[in-house]
């Protein structure tokens, strides 16, 4: 039971890291996932 609890705690920590990585990925997707008409706005956003 102690081993399971320890693994569970490690799973929660990994999940927190995945959430942080997902947030970073979401930000990058917002920049990289834009199509051609949106690129001027994207370039201004990057500069800002």
ModelCIF file with pLDDT and N, C-alpha, C, O atoms, coordinates in Angstrom:
data_MODEL
#
_entry.id   MODEL 
#
_entity.id                         1 
_entity.type                       polymer 
_entity.pdbx_number_of_molecules   1 
#
_entity_poly.entity_id                      1 
_entity_poly.type                           'polypeptide(L)' 
_entity_poly.nstd_linkage                   no 
_entity_poly.nstd_monomer                   no 
_entity_poly.pdbx_seq_one_letter_code       
;(UNK)(UNK)(UNK)(UNK)(UNK)(UNK)(UNK)(UNK)(UNK)(UNK)(UNK)(UNK)(UNK)(UNK)(UNK)(UNK)
(UNK)(UNK)(UNK)(UNK)(UNK)(UNK)(UNK)(UNK)(UNK)(UNK)(UNK)(UNK)(UNK)(UNK)(UNK)(UNK)
(UNK)(UNK)(UNK)(UNK)(UNK)(UNK)(UNK)(UNK)(UNK)(UNK)(UNK)(UNK)(UNK)(UNK)(UNK)(UNK)
;
_entity_poly.pdbx_seq_one_letter_code_can   XXXXXXXXXXXXXXXXXXXXXXXXXXXXXXXXXXXXXXXXXXXXXXXX 
_entity_poly.pdbx_strand_id                 A 
#
loop_
_entity_poly_seq.entity_id 
_entity_poly_seq.num 
_entity_poly_seq.mon_id 
_entity_poly_seq.hetero 
1 1  UNK n 
1 2  UNK n 
1 3  UNK n 
1 4  UNK n 
1 5  UNK n 
1 6  UNK n 
1 7  UNK n 
1 8  UNK n 
1 9  UNK n 
1 10 UNK n 
1 11 UNK n 
1 12 UNK n 
1 13 UNK n 
1 14 UNK n 
1 15 UNK n 
1 16 UNK n 
1 17 UNK n 
1 18 UNK n 
1 19 UNK n 
1 20 UNK n 
1 21 UNK n 
1 22 UNK n 
1 23 UNK n 
1 24 UNK n 
1 25 UNK n 
1 26 UNK n 
1 27 UNK n 
1 28 UNK n 
1 29 UNK n 
1 30 UNK n 
1 31 UNK n 
1 32 UNK n 
1 33 UNK n 
1 34 UNK n 
1 35 UNK n 
1 36 UNK n 
1 37 UNK n 
1 38 UNK n 
1 39 UNK n 
1 40 UNK n 
1 41 UNK n 
1 42 UNK n 
1 43 UNK n 
1 44 UNK n 
1 45 UNK n 
1 46 UNK n 
1 47 UNK n 
1 48 UNK n 
#
_struct_asym.id          A 
_struct_asym.entity_id   1 
#
loop_
_ma_qa_metric.id 
_ma_qa_metric.mode 
_ma_qa_metric.name 
_ma_qa_metric.software_group_id 
_ma_qa_metric.type 
1 global pLDDT . pLDDT 
2 local  pLDDT . pLDDT 
#
_ma_qa_metric_global.metric_id      1 
_ma_qa_metric_global.metric_value   77.69 
_ma_qa_metric_global.model_id       1 
_ma_qa_metric_global.ordinal_id     1 
#
loop_
_ma_qa_metric_local.label_asym_id 
_ma_qa_metric_local.label_comp_id 
_ma_qa_metric_local.label_seq_id 
_ma_qa_metric_local.metric_id 
_ma_qa_metric_local.metric_value 
_ma_qa_metric_local.model_id 
_ma_qa_metric_local.ordinal_id 
A UNK 1  2 70.00 1 1  
A UNK 2  2 74.00 1 2  
A UNK 3  2 75.00 1 3  
A UNK 4  2 80.00 1 4  
A UNK 5  2 83.00 1 5  
A UNK 6  2 79.00 1 6  
A UNK 7  2 80.00 1 7  
A UNK 8  2 83.00 1 8  
A UNK 9  2 83.00 1 9  
A UNK 10 2 81.00 1 10 
A UNK 11 2 80.00 1 11 
A UNK 12 2 86.00 1 12 
A UNK 13 2 85.00 1 13 
A UNK 14 2 83.00 1 14 
A UNK 15 2 80.00 1 15 
A UNK 16 2 85.00 1 16 
A UNK 17 2 87.00 1 17 
A UNK 18 2 82.00 1 18 
A UNK 19 2 82.00 1 19 
A UNK 20 2 86.00 1 20 
A UNK 21 2 83.00 1 21 
A UNK 22 2 81.00 1 22 
A UNK 23 2 79.00 1 23 
A UNK 24 2 80.00 1 24 
A UNK 25 2 79.00 1 25 
A UNK 26 2 77.00 1 26 
A UNK 27 2 76.00 1 27 
A UNK 28 2 79.00 1 28 
A UNK 29 2 77.00 1 29 
A UNK 30 2 74.00 1 30 
A UNK 31 2 74.00 1 31 
A UNK 32 2 78.00 1 32 
A UNK 33 2 76.00 1 33 
A UNK 34 2 72.00 1 34 
A UNK 35 2 72.00 1 35 
A UNK 36 2 73.00 1 36 
A UNK 37 2 73.00 1 37 
A UNK 38 2 73.00 1 38 
A UNK 39 2 74.00 1 39 
A UNK 40 2 77.00 1 40 
A UNK 41 2 72.00 1 41 
A UNK 42 2 72.00 1 42 
A UNK 43 2 77.00 1 43 
A UNK 44 2 73.00 1 44 
A UNK 45 2 71.00 1 45 
A UNK 46 2 72.00 1 46 
A UNK 47 2 73.00 1 47 
A UNK 48 2 68.00 1 48 
#
loop_
_atom_site.group_PDB 
_atom_site.id 
_atom_site.type_symbol 
_atom_site.label_atom_id 
_atom_site.label_alt_id 
_atom_site.label_comp_id 
_atom_site.label_asym_id 
_atom_site.label_entity_id 
_atom_site.label_seq_id 
_atom_site.pdbx_PDB_ins_code 
_atom_site.Cartn_x 
_atom_site.Cartn_y 
_atom_site.Cartn_z 
_atom_site.occupancy 
_atom_site.B_iso_or_equiv 
_atom_site.pdbx_formal_charge 
_atom_site.auth_seq_id 
_atom_site.auth_comp_id 
_atom_site.auth_asym_id 
_atom_site.auth_atom_id 
_atom_site.pdbx_PDB_model_num 
ATOM 1   N N  . UNK A 1 1  ? 0.814  -1.207 0.000   1.00 70.00 ? 1  UNK A N  1 
ATOM 2   C CA . UNK A 1 1  ? 0.000  0.000  0.000   1.00 70.00 ? 1  UNK A CA 1 
ATOM 3   C C  . UNK A 1 1  ? 0.846  1.255  0.000   1.00 70.00 ? 1  UNK A C  1 
ATOM 4   O O  . UNK A 1 1  ? 0.491  2.241  -0.645  1.00 70.00 ? 1  UNK A O  1 
ATOM 5   N N  . UNK A 1 2  ? 1.976  1.234  0.724   1.00 74.00 ? 2  UNK A N  1 
ATOM 6   C CA . UNK A 1 2  ? 2.872  2.386  0.725   1.00 74.00 ? 2  UNK A CA 1 
ATOM 7   C C  . UNK A 1 2  ? 3.491  2.629  -0.634  1.00 74.00 ? 2  UNK A C  1 
ATOM 8   O O  . UNK A 1 2  ? 3.661  3.773  -1.057  1.00 74.00 ? 2  UNK A O  1 
ATOM 9   N N  . UNK A 1 3  ? 3.829  1.540  -1.318  1.00 75.00 ? 3  UNK A N  1 
ATOM 10  C CA . UNK A 1 3  ? 4.391  1.671  -2.661  1.00 75.00 ? 3  UNK A CA 1 
ATOM 11  C C  . UNK A 1 3  ? 3.360  2.261  -3.621  1.00 75.00 ? 3  UNK A C  1 
ATOM 12  O O  . UNK A 1 3  ? 3.682  3.133  -4.428  1.00 75.00 ? 3  UNK A O  1 
ATOM 13  N N  . UNK A 1 4  ? 2.119  1.781  -3.529  1.00 80.00 ? 4  UNK A N  1 
ATOM 14  C CA . UNK A 1 4  ? 1.059  2.308  -4.380  1.00 80.00 ? 4  UNK A CA 1 
ATOM 15  C C  . UNK A 1 4  ? 0.842  3.790  -4.114  1.00 80.00 ? 4  UNK A C  1 
ATOM 16  O O  . UNK A 1 4  ? 0.676  4.576  -5.046  1.00 80.00 ? 4  UNK A O  1 
ATOM 17  N N  . UNK A 1 5  ? 0.844  4.171  -2.839  1.00 83.00 ? 5  UNK A N  1 
ATOM 18  C CA . UNK A 1 5  ? 0.656  5.578  -2.486  1.00 83.00 ? 5  UNK A CA 1 
ATOM 19  C C  . UNK A 1 5  ? 1.784  6.434  -3.054  1.00 83.00 ? 5  UNK A C  1 
ATOM 20  O O  . UNK A 1 5  ? 1.556  7.544  -3.536  1.00 83.00 ? 5  UNK A O  1 
ATOM 21  N N  . UNK A 1 6  ? 3.013  5.895  -2.989  1.00 79.00 ? 6  UNK A N  1 
ATOM 22  C CA . UNK A 1 6  ? 4.161  6.632  -3.519  1.00 79.00 ? 6  UNK A CA 1 
ATOM 23  C C  . UNK A 1 6  ? 4.034  6.798  -5.034  1.00 79.00 ? 6  UNK A C  1 
ATOM 24  O O  . UNK A 1 6  ? 4.274  7.883  -5.564  1.00 79.00 ? 6  UNK A O  1 
ATOM 25  N N  . UNK A 1 7  ? 3.657  5.724  -5.728  1.00 80.00 ? 7  UNK A N  1 
ATOM 26  C CA . UNK A 1 7  ? 3.481  5.804  -7.175  1.00 80.00 ? 7  UNK A CA 1 
ATOM 27  C C  . UNK A 1 7  ? 2.341  6.745  -7.538  1.00 80.00 ? 7  UNK A C  1 
ATOM 28  O O  . UNK A 1 7  ? 2.406  7.461  -8.537  1.00 80.00 ? 7  UNK A O  1 
ATOM 29  N N  . UNK A 1 8  ? 1.294  6.735  -6.714  1.00 83.00 ? 8  UNK A N  1 
ATOM 30  C CA . UNK A 1 8  ? 0.171  7.643  -6.954  1.00 83.00 ? 8  UNK A CA 1 
ATOM 31  C C  . UNK A 1 8  ? 0.623  9.094  -6.833  1.00 83.00 ? 8  UNK A C  1 
ATOM 32  O O  . UNK A 1 8  ? 0.230  9.937  -7.639  1.00 83.00 ? 8  UNK A O  1 
ATOM 33  N N  . UNK A 1 9  ? 1.444  9.386  -5.836  1.00 83.00 ? 9  UNK A N  1 
ATOM 34  C CA . UNK A 1 9  ? 1.950  10.749 -5.663  1.00 83.00 ? 9  UNK A CA 1 
ATOM 35  C C  . UNK A 1 9  ? 2.807  11.154 -6.854  1.00 83.00 ? 9  UNK A C  1 
ATOM 36  O O  . UNK A 1 9  ? 2.721  12.282 -7.337  1.00 83.00 ? 9  UNK A O  1 
ATOM 37  N N  . UNK A 1 10 ? 3.638  10.220 -7.325  1.00 81.00 ? 10 UNK A N  1 
ATOM 38  C CA . UNK A 1 10 ? 4.459  10.513 -8.492  1.00 81.00 ? 10 UNK A CA 1 
ATOM 39  C C  . UNK A 1 10 ? 3.594  10.729 -9.733  1.00 81.00 ? 10 UNK A C  1 
ATOM 40  O O  . UNK A 1 10 ? 3.918  11.560 -10.581 1.00 81.00 ? 10 UNK A O  1 
ATOM 41  N N  . UNK A 1 11 ? 2.505  9.986  -9.839  1.00 80.00 ? 11 UNK A N  1 
ATOM 42  C CA . UNK A 1 11 ? 1.591  10.169 -10.972 1.00 80.00 ? 11 UNK A CA 1 
ATOM 43  C C  . UNK A 1 11 ? 0.984  11.560 -10.940 1.00 80.00 ? 11 UNK A C  1 
ATOM 44  O O  . UNK A 1 11 ? 0.904  12.231 -11.969 1.00 80.00 ? 11 UNK A O  1 
ATOM 45  N N  . UNK A 1 12 ? 0.555  11.998 -9.759  1.00 86.00 ? 12 UNK A N  1 
ATOM 46  C CA . UNK A 1 12 ? -0.015 13.345 -9.648  1.00 86.00 ? 12 UNK A CA 1 
ATOM 47  C C  . UNK A 1 12 ? 1.013  14.409 -10.026 1.00 86.00 ? 12 UNK A C  1 
ATOM 48  O O  . UNK A 1 12 ? 0.675  15.394 -10.684 1.00 86.00 ? 12 UNK A O  1 
ATOM 49  N N  . UNK A 1 13 ? 2.264  14.217 -9.615  1.00 85.00 ? 13 UNK A N  1 
ATOM 50  C CA . UNK A 1 13 ? 3.306  15.181 -9.961  1.00 85.00 ? 13 UNK A CA 1 
ATOM 51  C C  . UNK A 1 13 ? 3.534  15.220 -11.475 1.00 85.00 ? 13 UNK A C  1 
ATOM 52  O O  . UNK A 1 13 ? 3.706  16.287 -12.064 1.00 85.00 ? 13 UNK A O  1 
ATOM 53  N N  . UNK A 1 14 ? 3.531  14.032 -12.089 1.00 83.00 ? 14 UNK A N  1 
ATOM 54  C CA . UNK A 1 14 ? 3.682  13.983 -13.547 1.00 83.00 ? 14 UNK A CA 1 
ATOM 55  C C  . UNK A 1 14 ? 2.509  14.658 -14.249 1.00 83.00 ? 14 UNK A C  1 
ATOM 56  O O  . UNK A 1 14 ? 2.679  15.335 -15.263 1.00 83.00 ? 14 UNK A O  1 
ATOM 57  N N  . UNK A 1 15 ? 1.306  14.458 -13.685 1.00 80.00 ? 15 UNK A N  1 
ATOM 58  C CA . UNK A 1 15 ? 0.123  15.078 -14.269 1.00 80.00 ? 15 UNK A CA 1 
ATOM 59  C C  . UNK A 1 15 ? 0.230  16.594 -14.217 1.00 80.00 ? 15 UNK A C  1 
ATOM 60  O O  . UNK A 1 15 ? -0.129 17.280 -15.173 1.00 80.00 ? 15 UNK A O  1 
ATOM 61  N N  . UNK A 1 16 ? 0.729  17.119 -13.091 1.00 85.00 ? 16 UNK A N  1 
ATOM 62  C CA . UNK A 1 16 ? 0.937  18.569 -12.990 1.00 85.00 ? 16 UNK A CA 1 
ATOM 63  C C  . UNK A 1 16 ? 1.904  19.056 -14.064 1.00 85.00 ? 16 UNK A C  1 
ATOM 64  O O  . UNK A 1 16 ? 1.681  20.099 -14.678 1.00 85.00 ? 16 UNK A O  1 
ATOM 65  N N  . UNK A 1 17 ? 2.985  18.295 -14.292 1.00 87.00 ? 17 UNK A N  1 
ATOM 66  C CA . UNK A 1 17 ? 3.953  18.674 -15.321 1.00 87.00 ? 17 UNK A CA 1 
ATOM 67  C C  . UNK A 1 17 ? 3.319  18.619 -16.708 1.00 87.00 ? 17 UNK A C  1 
ATOM 68  O O  . UNK A 1 17 ? 3.580  19.469 -17.560 1.00 87.00 ? 17 UNK A O  1 
ATOM 69  N N  . UNK A 1 18 ? 2.475  17.594 -16.921 1.00 82.00 ? 18 UNK A N  1 
ATOM 70  C CA . UNK A 1 18 ? 1.794  17.494 -18.215 1.00 82.00 ? 18 UNK A CA 1 
ATOM 71  C C  . UNK A 1 18 ? 0.874  18.687 -18.452 1.00 82.00 ? 18 UNK A C  1 
ATOM 72  O O  . UNK A 1 18 ? 0.767  19.187 -19.572 1.00 82.00 ? 18 UNK A O  1 
ATOM 73  N N  . UNK A 1 19 ? 0.212  19.139 -17.384 1.00 82.00 ? 19 UNK A N  1 
ATOM 74  C CA . UNK A 1 19 ? -0.659 20.315 -17.504 1.00 82.00 ? 19 UNK A CA 1 
ATOM 75  C C  . UNK A 1 19 ? 0.163  21.533 -17.894 1.00 82.00 ? 19 UNK A C  1 
ATOM 76  O O  . UNK A 1 19 ? -0.238 22.316 -18.756 1.00 82.00 ? 19 UNK A O  1 
ATOM 77  N N  . UNK A 1 20 ? 1.327  21.687 -17.248 1.00 86.00 ? 20 UNK A N  1 
ATOM 78  C CA . UNK A 1 20 ? 2.187  22.826 -17.582 1.00 86.00 ? 20 UNK A CA 1 
ATOM 79  C C  . UNK A 1 20 ? 2.683  22.734 -19.024 1.00 86.00 ? 20 UNK A C  1 
ATOM 80  O O  . UNK A 1 20 ? 2.712  23.732 -19.743 1.00 86.00 ? 20 UNK A O  1 
ATOM 81  N N  . UNK A 1 21 ? 3.075  21.523 -19.439 1.00 83.00 ? 21 UNK A N  1 
ATOM 82  C CA . UNK A 1 21 ? 3.521  21.342 -20.813 1.00 83.00 ? 21 UNK A CA 1 
ATOM 83  C C  . UNK A 1 21 ? 2.379  21.581 -21.802 1.00 83.00 ? 21 UNK A C  1 
ATOM 84  O O  . UNK A 1 21 ? 2.583  22.142 -22.878 1.00 83.00 ? 21 UNK A O  1 
ATOM 85  N N  . UNK A 1 22 ? 1.170  21.147 -21.420 1.00 81.00 ? 22 UNK A N  1 
ATOM 86  C CA . UNK A 1 22 ? 0.016  21.363 -22.290 1.00 81.00 ? 22 UNK A CA 1 
ATOM 87  C C  . UNK A 1 22 ? -0.276 22.851 -22.435 1.00 81.00 ? 22 UNK A C  1 
ATOM 88  O O  . UNK A 1 22 ? -0.656 23.307 -23.513 1.00 81.00 ? 22 UNK A O  1 
ATOM 89  N N  . UNK A 1 23 ? -0.097 23.617 -21.342 1.00 79.00 ? 23 UNK A N  1 
ATOM 90  C CA . UNK A 1 23 ? -0.302 25.058 -21.413 1.00 79.00 ? 23 UNK A CA 1 
ATOM 91  C C  . UNK A 1 23 ? 0.719  25.705 -22.351 1.00 79.00 ? 23 UNK A C  1 
ATOM 92  O O  . UNK A 1 23 ? 0.383  26.592 -23.135 1.00 79.00 ? 23 UNK A O  1 
ATOM 93  N N  . UNK A 1 24 ? 1.974  25.245 -22.256 1.00 80.00 ? 24 UNK A N  1 
ATOM 94  C CA . UNK A 1 24 ? 2.999  25.761 -23.161 1.00 80.00 ? 24 UNK A CA 1 
ATOM 95  C C  . UNK A 1 24 ? 2.677  25.379 -24.601 1.00 80.00 ? 24 UNK A C  1 
ATOM 96  O O  . UNK A 1 24 ? 2.788  26.202 -25.510 1.00 80.00 ? 24 UNK A O  1 
ATOM 97  N N  . UNK A 1 25 ? 2.275  24.118 -24.804 1.00 79.00 ? 25 UNK A N  1 
ATOM 98  C CA . UNK A 1 25 ? 1.926  23.664 -26.149 1.00 79.00 ? 25 UNK A CA 1 
ATOM 99  C C  . UNK A 1 25 ? 0.756  24.462 -26.708 1.00 79.00 ? 25 UNK A C  1 
ATOM 100 O O  . UNK A 1 25 ? 0.732  24.785 -27.895 1.00 79.00 ? 25 UNK A O  1 
ATOM 101 N N  . UNK A 1 26 ? -0.217 24.780 -25.852 1.00 77.00 ? 26 UNK A N  1 
ATOM 102 C CA . UNK A 1 26 ? -1.375 25.552 -26.296 1.00 77.00 ? 26 UNK A CA 1 
ATOM 103 C C  . UNK A 1 26 ? -0.951 26.939 -26.773 1.00 77.00 ? 26 UNK A C  1 
ATOM 104 O O  . UNK A 1 26 ? -1.444 27.438 -27.785 1.00 77.00 ? 26 UNK A O  1 
ATOM 105 N N  . UNK A 1 27 ? -0.029 27.551 -26.030 1.00 76.00 ? 27 UNK A N  1 
ATOM 106 C CA . UNK A 1 27 ? 0.472  28.868 -26.443 1.00 76.00 ? 27 UNK A CA 1 
ATOM 107 C C  . UNK A 1 27 ? 1.188  28.776 -27.791 1.00 76.00 ? 27 UNK A C  1 
ATOM 108 O O  . UNK A 1 27 ? 1.005  29.628 -28.660 1.00 76.00 ? 27 UNK A O  1 
ATOM 109 N N  . UNK A 1 28 ? 2.007  27.731 -27.955 1.00 79.00 ? 28 UNK A N  1 
ATOM 110 C CA . UNK A 1 28 ? 2.716  27.559 -29.217 1.00 79.00 ? 28 UNK A CA 1 
ATOM 111 C C  . UNK A 1 28 ? 1.748  27.252 -30.356 1.00 79.00 ? 28 UNK A C  1 
ATOM 112 O O  . UNK A 1 28 ? 1.928  27.727 -31.478 1.00 79.00 ? 28 UNK A O  1 
ATOM 113 N N  . UNK A 1 29 ? 0.718  26.456 -30.062 1.00 77.00 ? 29 UNK A N  1 
ATOM 114 C CA . UNK A 1 29 ? -0.283 26.162 -31.082 1.00 77.00 ? 29 UNK A CA 1 
ATOM 115 C C  . UNK A 1 29 ? -0.994 27.430 -31.535 1.00 77.00 ? 29 UNK A C  1 
ATOM 116 O O  . UNK A 1 29 ? -1.347 27.565 -32.707 1.00 77.00 ? 29 UNK A O  1 
ATOM 117 N N  . UNK A 1 30 ? -1.202 28.357 -30.608 1.00 74.00 ? 30 UNK A N  1 
ATOM 118 C CA . UNK A 1 30 ? -1.847 29.607 -30.967 1.00 74.00 ? 30 UNK A CA 1 
ATOM 119 C C  . UNK A 1 30 ? -1.025 30.416 -31.944 1.00 74.00 ? 30 UNK A C  1 
ATOM 120 O O  . UNK A 1 30 ? -1.564 31.148 -32.773 1.00 74.00 ? 30 UNK A O  1 
ATOM 121 N N  . UNK A 1 31 ? 0.303  30.276 -31.838 1.00 74.00 ? 31 UNK A N  1 
ATOM 122 C CA . UNK A 1 31 ? 1.183  31.014 -32.740 1.00 74.00 ? 31 UNK A CA 1 
ATOM 123 C C  . UNK A 1 31 ? 1.438  30.252 -34.038 1.00 74.00 ? 31 UNK A C  1 
ATOM 124 O O  . UNK A 1 31 ? 1.350  30.818 -35.128 1.00 74.00 ? 31 UNK A O  1 
ATOM 125 N N  . UNK A 1 32 ? 1.754  28.971 -33.912 1.00 78.00 ? 32 UNK A N  1 
ATOM 126 C CA . UNK A 1 32 ? 2.104  28.182 -35.091 1.00 78.00 ? 32 UNK A CA 1 
ATOM 127 C C  . UNK A 1 32 ? 0.882  27.763 -35.890 1.00 78.00 ? 32 UNK A C  1 
ATOM 128 O O  . UNK A 1 32 ? 0.976  27.540 -37.097 1.00 78.00 ? 32 UNK A O  1 
ATOM 129 N N  . UNK A 1 33 ? -0.268 27.653 -35.226 1.00 76.00 ? 33 UNK A N  1 
ATOM 130 C CA . UNK A 1 33 ? -1.453 27.142 -35.893 1.00 76.00 ? 33 UNK A CA 1 
ATOM 131 C C  . UNK A 1 33 ? -2.246 28.174 -36.655 1.00 76.00 ? 33 UNK A C  1 
ATOM 132 O O  . UNK A 1 33 ? -3.344 27.875 -37.125 1.00 76.00 ? 33 UNK A O  1 
ATOM 133 N N  . UNK A 1 34 ? -1.728 29.380 -36.793 1.00 72.00 ? 34 UNK A N  1 
ATOM 134 C CA . UNK A 1 34 ? -2.483 30.404 -37.510 1.00 72.00 ? 34 UNK A CA 1 
ATOM 135 C C  . UNK A 1 34 ? -2.286 30.235 -39.018 1.00 72.00 ? 34 UNK A C  1 
ATOM 136 O O  . UNK A 1 34 ? -1.238 29.776 -39.474 1.00 72.00 ? 34 UNK A O  1 
ATOM 137 N N  . UNK A 1 35 ? -3.306 30.612 -39.775 1.00 72.00 ? 35 UNK A N  1 
ATOM 138 C CA . UNK A 1 35 ? -3.215 30.511 -41.224 1.00 72.00 ? 35 UNK A CA 1 
ATOM 139 C C  . UNK A 1 35 ? -2.696 31.836 -41.795 1.00 72.00 ? 35 UNK A C  1 
ATOM 140 O O  . UNK A 1 35 ? -2.395 32.767 -41.049 1.00 72.00 ? 35 UNK A O  1 
ATOM 141 N N  . UNK A 1 36 ? -2.597 31.904 -43.109 1.00 73.00 ? 36 UNK A N  1 
ATOM 142 C CA . UNK A 1 36 ? -1.940 33.061 -43.745 1.00 73.00 ? 36 UNK A CA 1 
ATOM 143 C C  . UNK A 1 36 ? -2.588 34.398 -43.422 1.00 73.00 ? 36 UNK A C  1 
ATOM 144 O O  . UNK A 1 36 ? -1.861 35.351 -43.143 1.00 73.00 ? 36 UNK A O  1 
ATOM 145 N N  . UNK A 1 37 ? -3.935 34.531 -43.443 1.00 73.00 ? 37 UNK A N  1 
ATOM 146 C CA . UNK A 1 37 ? -4.516 35.842 -43.128 1.00 73.00 ? 37 UNK A CA 1 
ATOM 147 C C  . UNK A 1 37 ? -4.206 36.314 -41.702 1.00 73.00 ? 37 UNK A C  1 
ATOM 148 O O  . UNK A 1 37 ? -4.226 37.514 -41.429 1.00 73.00 ? 37 UNK A O  1 
ATOM 149 N N  . UNK A 1 38 ? -3.922 35.380 -40.802 1.00 73.00 ? 38 UNK A N  1 
ATOM 150 C CA . UNK A 1 38 ? -3.665 35.760 -39.416 1.00 73.00 ? 38 UNK A CA 1 
ATOM 151 C C  . UNK A 1 38 ? -2.195 36.067 -39.144 1.00 73.00 ? 38 UNK A C  1 
ATOM 152 O O  . UNK A 1 38 ? -1.859 36.537 -38.057 1.00 73.00 ? 38 UNK A O  1 
ATOM 153 N N  . UNK A 1 39 ? -1.327 35.814 -40.097 1.00 74.00 ? 39 UNK A N  1 
ATOM 154 C CA . UNK A 1 39 ? 0.103  35.939 -39.843 1.00 74.00 ? 39 UNK A CA 1 
ATOM 155 C C  . UNK A 1 39 ? 0.551  37.355 -39.482 1.00 74.00 ? 39 UNK A C  1 
ATOM 156 O O  . UNK A 1 39 ? 1.415  37.495 -38.616 1.00 74.00 ? 39 UNK A O  1 
ATOM 157 N N  . UNK A 1 40 ? 0.008  38.427 -40.104 1.00 77.00 ? 40 UNK A N  1 
ATOM 158 C CA . UNK A 1 40 ? 0.422  39.769 -39.663 1.00 77.00 ? 40 UNK A CA 1 
ATOM 159 C C  . UNK A 1 40 ? 0.114  40.035 -38.193 1.00 77.00 ? 40 UNK A C  1 
ATOM 160 O O  . UNK A 1 40 ? 0.911  40.647 -37.483 1.00 77.00 ? 40 UNK A O  1 
ATOM 161 N N  . UNK A 1 41 ? -1.058 39.567 -37.741 1.00 72.00 ? 41 UNK A N  1 
ATOM 162 C CA . UNK A 1 41 ? -1.395 39.730 -36.330 1.00 72.00 ? 41 UNK A CA 1 
ATOM 163 C C  . UNK A 1 41 ? -0.467 38.888 -35.471 1.00 72.00 ? 41 UNK A C  1 
ATOM 164 O O  . UNK A 1 41 ? -0.039 39.326 -34.404 1.00 72.00 ? 41 UNK A O  1 
ATOM 165 N N  . UNK A 1 42 ? -0.152 37.674 -35.932 1.00 72.00 ? 42 UNK A N  1 
ATOM 166 C CA . UNK A 1 42 ? 0.779  36.819 -35.196 1.00 72.00 ? 42 UNK A CA 1 
ATOM 167 C C  . UNK A 1 42 ? 2.143  37.485 -35.062 1.00 72.00 ? 42 UNK A C  1 
ATOM 168 O O  . UNK A 1 42 ? 2.747  37.459 -33.989 1.00 72.00 ? 42 UNK A O  1 
ATOM 169 N N  . UNK A 1 43 ? 2.629  38.081 -36.148 1.00 77.00 ? 43 UNK A N  1 
ATOM 170 C CA . UNK A 1 43 ? 3.943  38.727 -36.110 1.00 77.00 ? 43 UNK A CA 1 
ATOM 171 C C  . UNK A 1 43 ? 3.946  39.890 -35.113 1.00 77.00 ? 43 UNK A C  1 
ATOM 172 O O  . UNK A 1 43 ? 4.924  40.094 -34.394 1.00 77.00 ? 43 UNK A O  1 
ATOM 173 N N  . UNK A 1 44 ? 2.850  40.647 -35.073 1.00 73.00 ? 44 UNK A N  1 
ATOM 174 C CA . UNK A 1 44 ? 2.765  41.737 -34.096 1.00 73.00 ? 44 UNK A CA 1 
ATOM 175 C C  . UNK A 1 44 ? 2.744  41.179 -32.666 1.00 73.00 ? 44 UNK A C  1 
ATOM 176 O O  . UNK A 1 44 ? 3.356  41.740 -31.758 1.00 73.00 ? 44 UNK A O  1 
ATOM 177 N N  . UNK A 1 45 ? 2.029  40.068 -32.490 1.00 71.00 ? 45 UNK A N  1 
ATOM 178 C CA . UNK A 1 45 ? 1.960  39.455 -31.162 1.00 71.00 ? 45 UNK A CA 1 
ATOM 179 C C  . UNK A 1 45 ? 3.339  38.991 -30.716 1.00 71.00 ? 45 UNK A C  1 
ATOM 180 O O  . UNK A 1 45 ? 3.713  39.182 -29.559 1.00 71.00 ? 45 UNK A O  1 
ATOM 181 N N  . UNK A 1 46 ? 4.099  38.384 -31.623 1.00 72.00 ? 46 UNK A N  1 
ATOM 182 C CA . UNK A 1 46 ? 5.450  37.932 -31.283 1.00 72.00 ? 46 UNK A CA 1 
ATOM 183 C C  . UNK A 1 46 ? 6.342  39.113 -30.904 1.00 72.00 ? 46 UNK A C  1 
ATOM 184 O O  . UNK A 1 46 ? 7.112  39.045 -29.945 1.00 72.00 ? 46 UNK A O  1 
ATOM 185 N N  . UNK A 1 47 ? 6.225  40.199 -31.674 1.00 73.00 ? 47 UNK A N  1 
ATOM 186 C CA . UNK A 1 47 ? 7.023  41.382 -31.364 1.00 73.00 ? 47 UNK A CA 1 
ATOM 187 C C  . UNK A 1 47 ? 6.659  41.947 -29.995 1.00 73.00 ? 47 UNK A C  1 
ATOM 188 O O  . UNK A 1 47 ? 7.542  42.350 -29.237 1.00 73.00 ? 47 UNK A O  1 
ATOM 189 N N  . UNK A 1 48 ? 5.374  41.979 -29.675 1.00 68.00 ? 48 UNK A N  1 
ATOM 190 C CA . UNK A 1 48 ? 4.937  42.490 -28.379 1.00 68.00 ? 48 UNK A CA 1 
ATOM 191 C C  . UNK A 1 48 ? 5.380  41.568 -27.250 1.00 68.00 ? 48 UNK A C  1 
ATOM 192 O O  . UNK A 1 48 ? 5.100  41.841 -26.083 1.00 68.00 ? 48 UNK A O  1 
#
